[in-house]
C-alpha atoms as a PDB file:
ATOM      1  CA  UNK A   1       0.000   0.000   0.000  1.00  0.00           C
ATOM      2  CA  UNK A   2       1.391   3.399  -0.995  1.00  0.00           C
ATOM      3  CA  UNK A   3       1.866   5.976   1.697  1.00  0.00           C
ATOM      4  CA  UNK A   4      -0.770   8.424   0.442  1.00  0.00           C
ATOM      5  CA  UNK A   5      -3.386   5.646   0.429  1.00  0.00           C
ATOM      6  CA  UNK A   6      -2.460   4.726   3.969  1.00  0.00           C
ATOM      7  CA  UNK A   7      -2.624   8.384   4.977  1.00  0.00           C
ATOM      8  CA  UNK A   8      -6.025   8.837   3.316  1.00  0.00           C
ATOM      9  CA  UNK A   9      -7.524   5.794   4.976  1.00  0.00           C
ATOM     10  CA  UNK A  10      -6.293   6.960   8.351  1.00  0.00           C
ATOM     11  CA  UNK A  11      -7.881  10.326   7.839  1.00  0.00           C
ATOM     12  CA  UNK A  12     -11.209   8.793   6.765  1.00  0.00           C
ATOM     13  CA  UNK A  13     -11.232   6.707   9.919  1.00  0.00           C
ATOM     14  CA  UNK A  14     -11.233   9.968  11.884  1.00  0.00           C
ATOM     15  CA  UNK A  15     -14.289  11.406  10.072  1.00  0.00           C
ATOM     16  CA  UNK A  16     -16.968  10.199  12.556  1.00  0.00           C
ATOM     17  CA  UNK A  17     -15.061  11.645  15.486  1.00  0.00           C
ATOM     18  CA  UNK A  18     -14.398  14.914  13.679  1.00  0.00           C
ATOM     19  CA  UNK A  19     -18.023  15.290  12.629  1.00  0.00           C
ATOM     20  CA  UNK A  20     -19.306  14.499  16.125  1.00  0.00           C
ATOM     21  CA  UNK A  21     -17.218  17.343  17.506  1.00  0.00           C
ATOM     22  CA  UNK A  22     -18.386  19.748  14.794  1.00  0.00           C
ATOM     23  CA  UNK A  23     -14.804  20.332  13.665  1.00  0.00           C
ATOM     24  CA  UNK A  24     -15.719  19.628  10.038  1.00  0.00           C
ATOM     25  CA  UNK A  25     -19.193  21.144  10.186  1.00  0.00           C
ATOM     26  CA  UNK A  26     -20.338  22.232   6.746  1.00  0.00           C
ATOM     27  CA  UNK A  27     -18.232  19.671   4.869  1.00  0.00           C
ATOM     28  CA  UNK A  28     -19.600  16.623   3.063  1.00  0.00           C
ATOM     29  CA  UNK A  29     -18.396  13.570   4.956  1.00  0.00           C
ATOM     30  CA  UNK A  30     -15.836  11.405   3.151  1.00  0.00           C
ATOM     31  CA  UNK A  31     -15.516  13.874   0.280  1.00  0.00           C
ATOM     32  CA  UNK A  32     -13.260  16.097   2.363  1.00  0.00           C
ATOM     33  CA  UNK A  33     -10.490  13.525   1.909  1.00  0.00           C
ATOM     34  CA  UNK A  34     -10.837  13.012  -1.828  1.00  0.00           C
ATOM     35  CA  UNK A  35      -8.074  15.579  -2.247  1.00  0.00           C
ATOM     36  CA  UNK A  36      -5.478  12.829  -1.973  1.00  0.00           C
ATOM     37  CA  UNK A  37      -5.637  11.906  -5.668  1.00  0.00           C
ATOM     38  CA  UNK A  38      -5.074  15.501  -6.663  1.00  0.00           C
ATOM     39  CA  UNK A  39      -2.425  16.266  -4.097  1.00  0.00           C
ATOM     40  CA  UNK A  40      -0.753  12.891  -3.652  1.00  0.00           C
ATOM     41  CA  UNK A  41       2.355  14.039  -5.561  1.00  0.00           C
ATOM     42  CA  UNK A  42       2.623  17.134  -3.382  1.00  0.00           C
ATOM     43  CA  UNK A  43       2.309  14.980  -0.246  1.00  0.00           C
ATOM     44  CA  UNK A  44       4.947  12.497  -1.397  1.00  0.00           C
ATOM     45  CA  UNK A  45       7.354  15.281  -2.413  1.00  0.00           C
ATOM     46  CA  UNK A  46       6.872  16.962   0.955  1.00  0.00           C
ATOM     47  CA  UNK A  47       7.687  13.805   2.885  1.00  0.00           C
ATOM     48  CA  UNK A  48      10.703  13.125   0.646  1.00  0.00           C
ATOM     49  CA  UNK A  49      12.007  16.639   1.296  1.00  0.00           C
ATOM     50  CA  UNK A  50      11.494  16.152   5.036  1.00  0.00           C
ATOM     51  CA  UNK A  51      13.417  12.858   4.941  1.00  0.00           C
ATOM     52  CA  UNK A  52      16.312  14.553   3.127  1.00  0.00           C
ATOM     53  CA  UNK A  53      16.427  17.369   5.680  1.00  0.00           C
ATOM     54  CA  UNK A  54      16.484  14.882   8.589  1.00  0.00           C
ATOM     55  CA  UNK A  55      19.227  12.806   6.936  1.00  0.00           C
ATOM     56  CA  UNK A  56      21.320  15.912   6.234  1.00  0.00           C
ATOM     57  CA  UNK A  57      20.969  17.090   9.834  1.00  0.00           C
ATOM     58  CA  UNK A  58      22.054  13.687  11.136  1.00  0.00           C
ATOM     59  CA  UNK A  59      25.098  13.714   8.835  1.00  0.00           C
ATOM     60  CA  UNK A  60      26.049  17.238   9.873  1.00  0.00           C
ATOM     61  CA  UNK A  61      25.901  16.196  13.536  1.00  0.00           C
ATOM     62  CA  UNK A  62      28.677  13.634  13.012  1.00  0.00           C
ATOM     63  CA  UNK A  63      32.268  14.880  13.397  1.00  0.00           C
ATOM     64  CA  UNK A  64      33.768  15.830  10.034  1.00  0.00           C
ATOM     65  CA  UNK A  65      37.514  15.256  10.370  1.00  0.00           C
ATOM     66  CA  UNK A  66      40.318  15.834   7.892  1.00  0.00           C
ATOM     67  CA  UNK A  67      42.003  12.412   7.470  1.00  0.00           C
ATOM     68  CA  UNK A  68      45.213  14.106   6.305  1.00  0.00           C
ATOM     69  CA  UNK A  69      45.474  16.459   9.284  1.00  0.00           C
ATOM     70  CA  UNK A  70      44.082  14.649  12.329  1.00  0.00           C
ATOM     71  CA  UNK A  71      44.188  16.592  15.605  1.00  0.00           C
ATOM     72  CA  UNK A  72      46.646  15.548  18.312  1.00  0.00           C
ATOM     73  CA  UNK A  73      47.520  16.383  21.885  1.00  0.00           C
ATOM     74  CA  UNK A  74      50.010  19.248  22.340  1.00  0.00           C
ATOM     75  CA  UNK A  75      53.230  18.551  24.200  1.00  0.00           C
ATOM     76  CA  UNK A  76      53.033  14.785  23.778  1.00  0.00           C
ATOM     77  CA  UNK A  77      54.763  12.213  21.562  1.00  0.00           C
ATOM     78  CA  UNK A  78      54.456   8.422  21.449  1.00  0.00           C
ATOM     79  CA  UNK A  79      57.681   6.510  20.785  1.00  0.00           C
ATOM     80  CA  UNK A  80      57.932   2.787  20.048  1.00  0.00           C
ATOM     81  CA  UNK A  81      61.442   1.561  20.776  1.00  0.00           C
ATOM     82  CA  UNK A  82      62.679  -1.598  19.092  1.00  0.00           C
ATOM     83  CA  UNK A  83      61.961  -4.790  21.000  1.00  0.00           C
ATOM     84  CA  UNK A  84      65.606  -5.403  21.903  1.00  0.00           C
ATOM     85  CA  UNK A  85      66.125  -1.904  23.354  1.00  0.00           C
ATOM     86  CA  UNK A  86      66.243  -1.734  27.159  1.00  0.00           C
ATOM     87  CA  UNK A  87      65.120   1.444  28.894  1.00  0.00           C
ATOM     88  CA  UNK A  88      67.161   1.460  32.098  1.00  0.00           C
ATOM     89  CA  UNK A  89      66.135   4.775  33.637  1.00  0.00           C
ATOM     90  CA  UNK A  90      62.933   6.760  33.245  1.00  0.00           C
ATOM     91  CA  UNK A  91      63.553   9.475  35.809  1.00  0.00           C
ATOM     92  CA  UNK A  92      63.741  13.112  34.679  1.00  0.00           C
ATOM     93  CA  UNK A  93      63.277  12.074  31.056  1.00  0.00           C
ATOM     94  CA  UNK A  94      66.357   9.850  30.911  1.00  0.00           C
ATOM     95  CA  UNK A  95      66.460   6.415  29.281  1.00  0.00           C
ATOM     96  CA  UNK A  96      70.094   5.336  29.634  1.00  0.00           C
ATOM     97  CA  UNK A  97      70.471   5.507  25.825  1.00  0.00           C
ATOM     98  CA  UNK A  98      72.817   8.356  24.921  1.00  0.00           C
ATOM     99  CA  UNK A  99      71.285   9.321  21.562  1.00  0.00           C
ATOM    100  CA  UNK A 100      67.736   9.248  22.966  1.00  0.00           C
ATOM    101  CA  UNK A 101      68.699  11.235  26.040  1.00  0.00           C
ATOM    102  CA  UNK A 102      70.170  13.938  23.789  1.00  0.00           C
ATOM    103  CA  UNK A 103      66.860  14.183  21.948  1.00  0.00           C
ATOM    104  CA  UNK A 104      65.022  14.280  25.278  1.00  0.00           C
ATOM    105  CA  UNK A 105      67.190  17.161  26.441  1.00  0.00           C
ATOM    106  CA  UNK A 106      66.745  19.038  23.138  1.00  0.00           C
ATOM    107  CA  UNK A 107      62.951  18.860  23.271  1.00  0.00           C
ATOM    108  CA  UNK A 108      62.580  19.388  26.984  1.00  0.00           C
ATOM    109  CA  UNK A 109      61.179  15.968  27.846  1.00  0.00           C
ATOM    110  CA  UNK A 110      59.768  16.248  31.363  1.00  0.00           C
ATOM    111  CA  UNK A 111      58.709  12.644  31.763  1.00  0.00           C
ATOM    112  CA  UNK A 112      58.275   9.401  29.899  1.00  0.00           C
ATOM    113  CA  UNK A 113      56.060   6.484  30.858  1.00  0.00           C
ATOM    114  CA  UNK A 114      54.945   3.214  29.368  1.00  0.00           C
ATOM    115  CA  UNK A 115      51.760   3.528  27.369  1.00  0.00           C
ATOM    116  CA  UNK A 116      50.824  -0.051  28.325  1.00  0.00           C
ATOM    117  CA  UNK A 117      52.245  -0.600  31.831  1.00  0.00           C
ATOM    118  CA  UNK A 118      51.137  -4.240  32.027  1.00  0.00           C
ATOM    119  CA  UNK A 119      52.438  -5.293  28.623  1.00  0.00           C
ATOM    120  CA  UNK A 120      55.296  -7.788  28.580  1.00  0.00           C
ATOM    121  CA  UNK A 121      57.795  -8.702  25.892  1.00  0.00           C
ATOM    122  CA  UNK A 122      57.046 -11.892  24.004  1.00  0.00           C
ATOM    123  CA  UNK A 123      60.120 -13.550  22.603  1.00  0.00           C
ATOM    124  CA  UNK A 124      58.223 -15.884  20.293  1.00  0.00           C
ATOM    125  CA  UNK A 125      56.556 -14.527  17.176  1.00  0.00           C
ATOM    126  CA  UNK A 126      52.780 -14.360  17.520  1.00  0.00           C
ATOM    127  CA  UNK A 127      50.445 -14.264  14.542  1.00  0.00           C
ATOM    128  CA  UNK A 128      46.758 -14.353  13.676  1.00  0.00           C
ATOM    129  CA  UNK A 129      44.677 -14.830  10.538  1.00  0.00           C
ATOM    130  CA  UNK A 130      42.092 -12.316   9.396  1.00  0.00           C
ATOM    131  CA  UNK A 131      38.795 -13.446   7.769  1.00  0.00           C
ATOM    132  CA  UNK A 132      40.444 -13.389   4.332  1.00  0.00           C
ATOM    133  CA  UNK A 133      43.119 -15.828   5.503  1.00  0.00           C
ATOM    134  CA  UNK A 134      45.960 -13.311   5.530  1.00  0.00           C
ATOM    135  CA  UNK A 135      48.470 -13.811   8.355  1.00  0.00           C
ATOM    136  CA  UNK A 136      49.430 -10.844  10.536  1.00  0.00           C
ATOM    137  CA  UNK A 137      52.105 -10.503  13.206  1.00  0.00           C
ATOM    138  CA  UNK A 138      50.994  -9.364  16.663  1.00  0.00           C
ATOM    139  CA  UNK A 139      53.423  -6.626  17.745  1.00  0.00           C
ATOM    140  CA  UNK A 140      54.937  -6.281  21.196  1.00  0.00           C
ATOM    141  CA  UNK A 141      53.562  -3.331  23.141  1.00  0.00           C
ATOM    142  CA  UNK A 142      55.949  -3.253  26.087  1.00  0.00           C
ATOM    143  CA  UNK A 143      58.313  -0.695  24.555  1.00  0.00           C
ATOM    144  CA  UNK A 144      55.847   2.063  23.640  1.00  0.00           C
ATOM    145  CA  UNK A 145      56.422   5.200  25.707  1.00  0.00           C
ATOM    146  CA  UNK A 146      54.527   8.455  26.115  1.00  0.00           C
ATOM    147  CA  UNK A 147      56.875  11.445  26.232  1.00  0.00           C
ATOM    148  CA  UNK A 148      55.812  14.797  27.706  1.00  0.00           C
ATOM    149  CA  UNK A 149      57.738  17.414  25.732  1.00  0.00           C
ATOM    150  CA  UNK A 150      58.034  21.192  25.799  1.00  0.00           C
ATOM    151  CA  UNK A 151      54.774  22.548  24.327  1.00  0.00           C
ATOM    152  CA  UNK A 152      56.622  25.065  22.193  1.00  0.00           C
ATOM    153  CA  UNK A 153      57.612  22.212  19.842  1.00  0.00           C
ATOM    154  CA  UNK A 154      55.359  20.681  17.223  1.00  0.00           C
ATOM    155  CA  UNK A 155      54.877  16.971  18.109  1.00  0.00           C
ATOM    156  CA  UNK A 156      54.926  16.042  14.414  1.00  0.00           C
ATOM    157  CA  UNK A 157      58.390  17.534  13.927  1.00  0.00           C
ATOM    158  CA  UNK A 158      59.644  15.989  17.163  1.00  0.00           C
ATOM    159  CA  UNK A 159      58.318  12.554  16.152  1.00  0.00           C
ATOM    160  CA  UNK A 160      60.179  12.765  12.841  1.00  0.00           C
ATOM    161  CA  UNK A 161      63.441  13.464  14.680  1.00  0.00           C
ATOM    162  CA  UNK A 162      62.970  10.485  17.010  1.00  0.00           C
ATOM    163  CA  UNK A 163      62.240   8.195  14.072  1.00  0.00           C
ATOM    164  CA  UNK A 164      65.727   8.924  12.708  1.00  0.00           C
ATOM    165  CA  UNK A 165      67.282   7.237  15.746  1.00  0.00           C
ATOM    166  CA  UNK A 166      68.241   3.568  15.123  1.00  0.00           C
ATOM    167  CA  UNK A 167      66.782   2.556  18.500  1.00  0.00           C
ATOM    168  CA  UNK A 168      63.299   3.715  17.504  1.00  0.00           C
ATOM    169  CA  UNK A 169      60.822   1.623  15.511  1.00  0.00           C
ATOM    170  CA  UNK A 170      58.373   4.490  15.037  1.00  0.00           C
ATOM    171  CA  UNK A 171      57.257   7.736  16.671  1.00  0.00           C
ATOM    172  CA  UNK A 172      54.095   9.797  16.249  1.00  0.00           C
ATOM    173  CA  UNK A 173      52.008  12.507  17.914  1.00  0.00           C
ATOM    174  CA  UNK A 174      49.371  11.372  20.395  1.00  0.00           C
ATOM    175  CA  UNK A 175      46.403  11.612  18.039  1.00  0.00           C
ATOM    176  CA  UNK A 176      42.887  12.145  19.283  1.00  0.00           C
ATOM    177  CA  UNK A 177      40.254   9.551  18.432  1.00  0.00           C
ATOM    178  CA  UNK A 178      36.586  10.355  18.008  1.00  0.00           C
ATOM    179  CA  UNK A 179      33.393   8.382  17.597  1.00  0.00           C
ATOM    180  CA  UNK A 180      32.490   8.669  13.924  1.00  0.00           C
ATOM    181  CA  UNK A 181      28.805   7.824  14.281  1.00  0.00           C
ATOM    182  CA  UNK A 182      26.057   7.585  16.811  1.00  0.00           C
ATOM    183  CA  UNK A 183      24.027   4.385  17.254  1.00  0.00           C
ATOM    184  CA  UNK A 184      21.236   4.015  14.722  1.00  0.00           C
ATOM    185  CA  UNK A 185      19.243   1.759  17.022  1.00  0.00           C
ATOM    186  CA  UNK A 186      16.367   3.831  18.482  1.00  0.00           C
ATOM    187  CA  UNK A 187      16.135   1.403  21.422  1.00  0.00           C
ATOM    188  CA  UNK A 188      19.831   1.486  22.325  1.00  0.00           C
ATOM    189  CA  UNK A 189      19.042   3.381  25.538  1.00  0.00           C
ATOM    190  CA  UNK A 190      16.818   0.482  26.639  1.00  0.00           C
ATOM    191  CA  UNK A 191      19.639  -2.035  26.317  1.00  0.00           C
ATOM    192  CA  UNK A 192      20.912  -1.662  29.866  1.00  0.00           C
ATOM    193  CA  UNK A 193      23.301  -4.607  29.557  1.00  0.00           C
ATOM    194  CA  UNK A 194      25.510  -2.779  27.023  1.00  0.00           C
ATOM    195  CA  UNK A 195      27.094  -0.871  29.891  1.00  0.00           C
ATOM    196  CA  UNK A 196      28.369  -4.128  31.392  1.00  0.00           C
ATOM    197  CA  UNK A 197      31.316  -4.363  28.996  1.00  0.00           C
ATOM    198  CA  UNK A 198      33.643  -1.867  27.240  1.00  0.00           C
ATOM    199  CA  UNK A 199      32.545  -2.975  23.761  1.00  0.00           C
ATOM    200  CA  UNK A 200      29.693  -0.476  23.855  1.00  0.00           C
ATOM    201  CA  UNK A 201      32.268   2.213  22.997  1.00  0.00           C
ATOM    202  CA  UNK A 202      32.639   0.597  19.582  1.00  0.00           C
ATOM    203  CA  UNK A 203      29.011   1.319  18.731  1.00  0.00           C
END
Protein backbone atom coordinates (compact mmCIF):
# COMPACT_ATOMS: atom_id res chain seq x y z
CA UNK A 1 0.00 0.00 0.00
CA UNK A 2 1.39 3.40 -1.00
CA UNK A 3 1.87 5.98 1.70
CA UNK A 4 -0.77 8.42 0.44
CA UNK A 5 -3.39 5.65 0.43
CA UNK A 6 -2.46 4.73 3.97
CA UNK A 7 -2.62 8.38 4.98
CA UNK A 8 -6.02 8.84 3.32
CA UNK A 9 -7.52 5.79 4.98
CA UNK A 10 -6.29 6.96 8.35
CA UNK A 11 -7.88 10.33 7.84
CA UNK A 12 -11.21 8.79 6.76
CA UNK A 13 -11.23 6.71 9.92
CA UNK A 14 -11.23 9.97 11.88
CA UNK A 15 -14.29 11.41 10.07
CA UNK A 16 -16.97 10.20 12.56
CA UNK A 17 -15.06 11.64 15.49
CA UNK A 18 -14.40 14.91 13.68
CA UNK A 19 -18.02 15.29 12.63
CA UNK A 20 -19.31 14.50 16.13
CA UNK A 21 -17.22 17.34 17.51
CA UNK A 22 -18.39 19.75 14.79
CA UNK A 23 -14.80 20.33 13.67
CA UNK A 24 -15.72 19.63 10.04
CA UNK A 25 -19.19 21.14 10.19
CA UNK A 26 -20.34 22.23 6.75
CA UNK A 27 -18.23 19.67 4.87
CA UNK A 28 -19.60 16.62 3.06
CA UNK A 29 -18.40 13.57 4.96
CA UNK A 30 -15.84 11.41 3.15
CA UNK A 31 -15.52 13.87 0.28
CA UNK A 32 -13.26 16.10 2.36
CA UNK A 33 -10.49 13.52 1.91
CA UNK A 34 -10.84 13.01 -1.83
CA UNK A 35 -8.07 15.58 -2.25
CA UNK A 36 -5.48 12.83 -1.97
CA UNK A 37 -5.64 11.91 -5.67
CA UNK A 38 -5.07 15.50 -6.66
CA UNK A 39 -2.43 16.27 -4.10
CA UNK A 40 -0.75 12.89 -3.65
CA UNK A 41 2.35 14.04 -5.56
CA UNK A 42 2.62 17.13 -3.38
CA UNK A 43 2.31 14.98 -0.25
CA UNK A 44 4.95 12.50 -1.40
CA UNK A 45 7.35 15.28 -2.41
CA UNK A 46 6.87 16.96 0.96
CA UNK A 47 7.69 13.81 2.89
CA UNK A 48 10.70 13.12 0.65
CA UNK A 49 12.01 16.64 1.30
CA UNK A 50 11.49 16.15 5.04
CA UNK A 51 13.42 12.86 4.94
CA UNK A 52 16.31 14.55 3.13
CA UNK A 53 16.43 17.37 5.68
CA UNK A 54 16.48 14.88 8.59
CA UNK A 55 19.23 12.81 6.94
CA UNK A 56 21.32 15.91 6.23
CA UNK A 57 20.97 17.09 9.83
CA UNK A 58 22.05 13.69 11.14
CA UNK A 59 25.10 13.71 8.84
CA UNK A 60 26.05 17.24 9.87
CA UNK A 61 25.90 16.20 13.54
CA UNK A 62 28.68 13.63 13.01
CA UNK A 63 32.27 14.88 13.40
CA UNK A 64 33.77 15.83 10.03
CA UNK A 65 37.51 15.26 10.37
CA UNK A 66 40.32 15.83 7.89
CA UNK A 67 42.00 12.41 7.47
CA UNK A 68 45.21 14.11 6.30
CA UNK A 69 45.47 16.46 9.28
CA UNK A 70 44.08 14.65 12.33
CA UNK A 71 44.19 16.59 15.61
CA UNK A 72 46.65 15.55 18.31
CA UNK A 73 47.52 16.38 21.88
CA UNK A 74 50.01 19.25 22.34
CA UNK A 75 53.23 18.55 24.20
CA UNK A 76 53.03 14.78 23.78
CA UNK A 77 54.76 12.21 21.56
CA UNK A 78 54.46 8.42 21.45
CA UNK A 79 57.68 6.51 20.79
CA UNK A 80 57.93 2.79 20.05
CA UNK A 81 61.44 1.56 20.78
CA UNK A 82 62.68 -1.60 19.09
CA UNK A 83 61.96 -4.79 21.00
CA UNK A 84 65.61 -5.40 21.90
CA UNK A 85 66.12 -1.90 23.35
CA UNK A 86 66.24 -1.73 27.16
CA UNK A 87 65.12 1.44 28.89
CA UNK A 88 67.16 1.46 32.10
CA UNK A 89 66.14 4.77 33.64
CA UNK A 90 62.93 6.76 33.24
CA UNK A 91 63.55 9.47 35.81
CA UNK A 92 63.74 13.11 34.68
CA UNK A 93 63.28 12.07 31.06
CA UNK A 94 66.36 9.85 30.91
CA UNK A 95 66.46 6.41 29.28
CA UNK A 96 70.09 5.34 29.63
CA UNK A 97 70.47 5.51 25.83
CA UNK A 98 72.82 8.36 24.92
CA UNK A 99 71.28 9.32 21.56
CA UNK A 100 67.74 9.25 22.97
CA UNK A 101 68.70 11.23 26.04
CA UNK A 102 70.17 13.94 23.79
CA UNK A 103 66.86 14.18 21.95
CA UNK A 104 65.02 14.28 25.28
CA UNK A 105 67.19 17.16 26.44
CA UNK A 106 66.75 19.04 23.14
CA UNK A 107 62.95 18.86 23.27
CA UNK A 108 62.58 19.39 26.98
CA UNK A 109 61.18 15.97 27.85
CA UNK A 110 59.77 16.25 31.36
CA UNK A 111 58.71 12.64 31.76
CA UNK A 112 58.28 9.40 29.90
CA UNK A 113 56.06 6.48 30.86
CA UNK A 114 54.94 3.21 29.37
CA UNK A 115 51.76 3.53 27.37
CA UNK A 116 50.82 -0.05 28.32
CA UNK A 117 52.25 -0.60 31.83
CA UNK A 118 51.14 -4.24 32.03
CA UNK A 119 52.44 -5.29 28.62
CA UNK A 120 55.30 -7.79 28.58
CA UNK A 121 57.80 -8.70 25.89
CA UNK A 122 57.05 -11.89 24.00
CA UNK A 123 60.12 -13.55 22.60
CA UNK A 124 58.22 -15.88 20.29
CA UNK A 125 56.56 -14.53 17.18
CA UNK A 126 52.78 -14.36 17.52
CA UNK A 127 50.45 -14.26 14.54
CA UNK A 128 46.76 -14.35 13.68
CA UNK A 129 44.68 -14.83 10.54
CA UNK A 130 42.09 -12.32 9.40
CA UNK A 131 38.80 -13.45 7.77
CA UNK A 132 40.44 -13.39 4.33
CA UNK A 133 43.12 -15.83 5.50
CA UNK A 134 45.96 -13.31 5.53
CA UNK A 135 48.47 -13.81 8.35
CA UNK A 136 49.43 -10.84 10.54
CA UNK A 137 52.10 -10.50 13.21
CA UNK A 138 50.99 -9.36 16.66
CA UNK A 139 53.42 -6.63 17.75
CA UNK A 140 54.94 -6.28 21.20
CA UNK A 141 53.56 -3.33 23.14
CA UNK A 142 55.95 -3.25 26.09
CA UNK A 143 58.31 -0.70 24.55
CA UNK A 144 55.85 2.06 23.64
CA UNK A 145 56.42 5.20 25.71
CA UNK A 146 54.53 8.45 26.11
CA UNK A 147 56.87 11.44 26.23
CA UNK A 148 55.81 14.80 27.71
CA UNK A 149 57.74 17.41 25.73
CA UNK A 150 58.03 21.19 25.80
CA UNK A 151 54.77 22.55 24.33
CA UNK A 152 56.62 25.06 22.19
CA UNK A 153 57.61 22.21 19.84
CA UNK A 154 55.36 20.68 17.22
CA UNK A 155 54.88 16.97 18.11
CA UNK A 156 54.93 16.04 14.41
CA UNK A 157 58.39 17.53 13.93
CA UNK A 158 59.64 15.99 17.16
CA UNK A 159 58.32 12.55 16.15
CA UNK A 160 60.18 12.76 12.84
CA UNK A 161 63.44 13.46 14.68
CA UNK A 162 62.97 10.49 17.01
CA UNK A 163 62.24 8.20 14.07
CA UNK A 164 65.73 8.92 12.71
CA UNK A 165 67.28 7.24 15.75
CA UNK A 166 68.24 3.57 15.12
CA UNK A 167 66.78 2.56 18.50
CA UNK A 168 63.30 3.71 17.50
CA UNK A 169 60.82 1.62 15.51
CA UNK A 170 58.37 4.49 15.04
CA UNK A 171 57.26 7.74 16.67
CA UNK A 172 54.09 9.80 16.25
CA UNK A 173 52.01 12.51 17.91
CA UNK A 174 49.37 11.37 20.40
CA UNK A 175 46.40 11.61 18.04
CA UNK A 176 42.89 12.15 19.28
CA UNK A 177 40.25 9.55 18.43
CA UNK A 178 36.59 10.36 18.01
CA UNK A 179 33.39 8.38 17.60
CA UNK A 180 32.49 8.67 13.92
CA UNK A 181 28.80 7.82 14.28
CA UNK A 182 26.06 7.58 16.81
CA UNK A 183 24.03 4.39 17.25
CA UNK A 184 21.24 4.02 14.72
CA UNK A 185 19.24 1.76 17.02
CA UNK A 186 16.37 3.83 18.48
CA UNK A 187 16.13 1.40 21.42
CA UNK A 188 19.83 1.49 22.33
CA UNK A 189 19.04 3.38 25.54
CA UNK A 190 16.82 0.48 26.64
CA UNK A 191 19.64 -2.04 26.32
CA UNK A 192 20.91 -1.66 29.87
CA UNK A 193 23.30 -4.61 29.56
CA UNK A 194 25.51 -2.78 27.02
CA UNK A 195 27.09 -0.87 29.89
CA UNK A 196 28.37 -4.13 31.39
CA UNK A 197 31.32 -4.36 29.00
CA UNK A 198 33.64 -1.87 27.24
CA UNK A 199 32.55 -2.98 23.76
CA UNK A 200 29.69 -0.48 23.85
CA UNK A 201 32.27 2.21 23.00
CA UNK A 202 32.64 0.60 19.58
CA UNK A 203 29.01 1.32 18.73
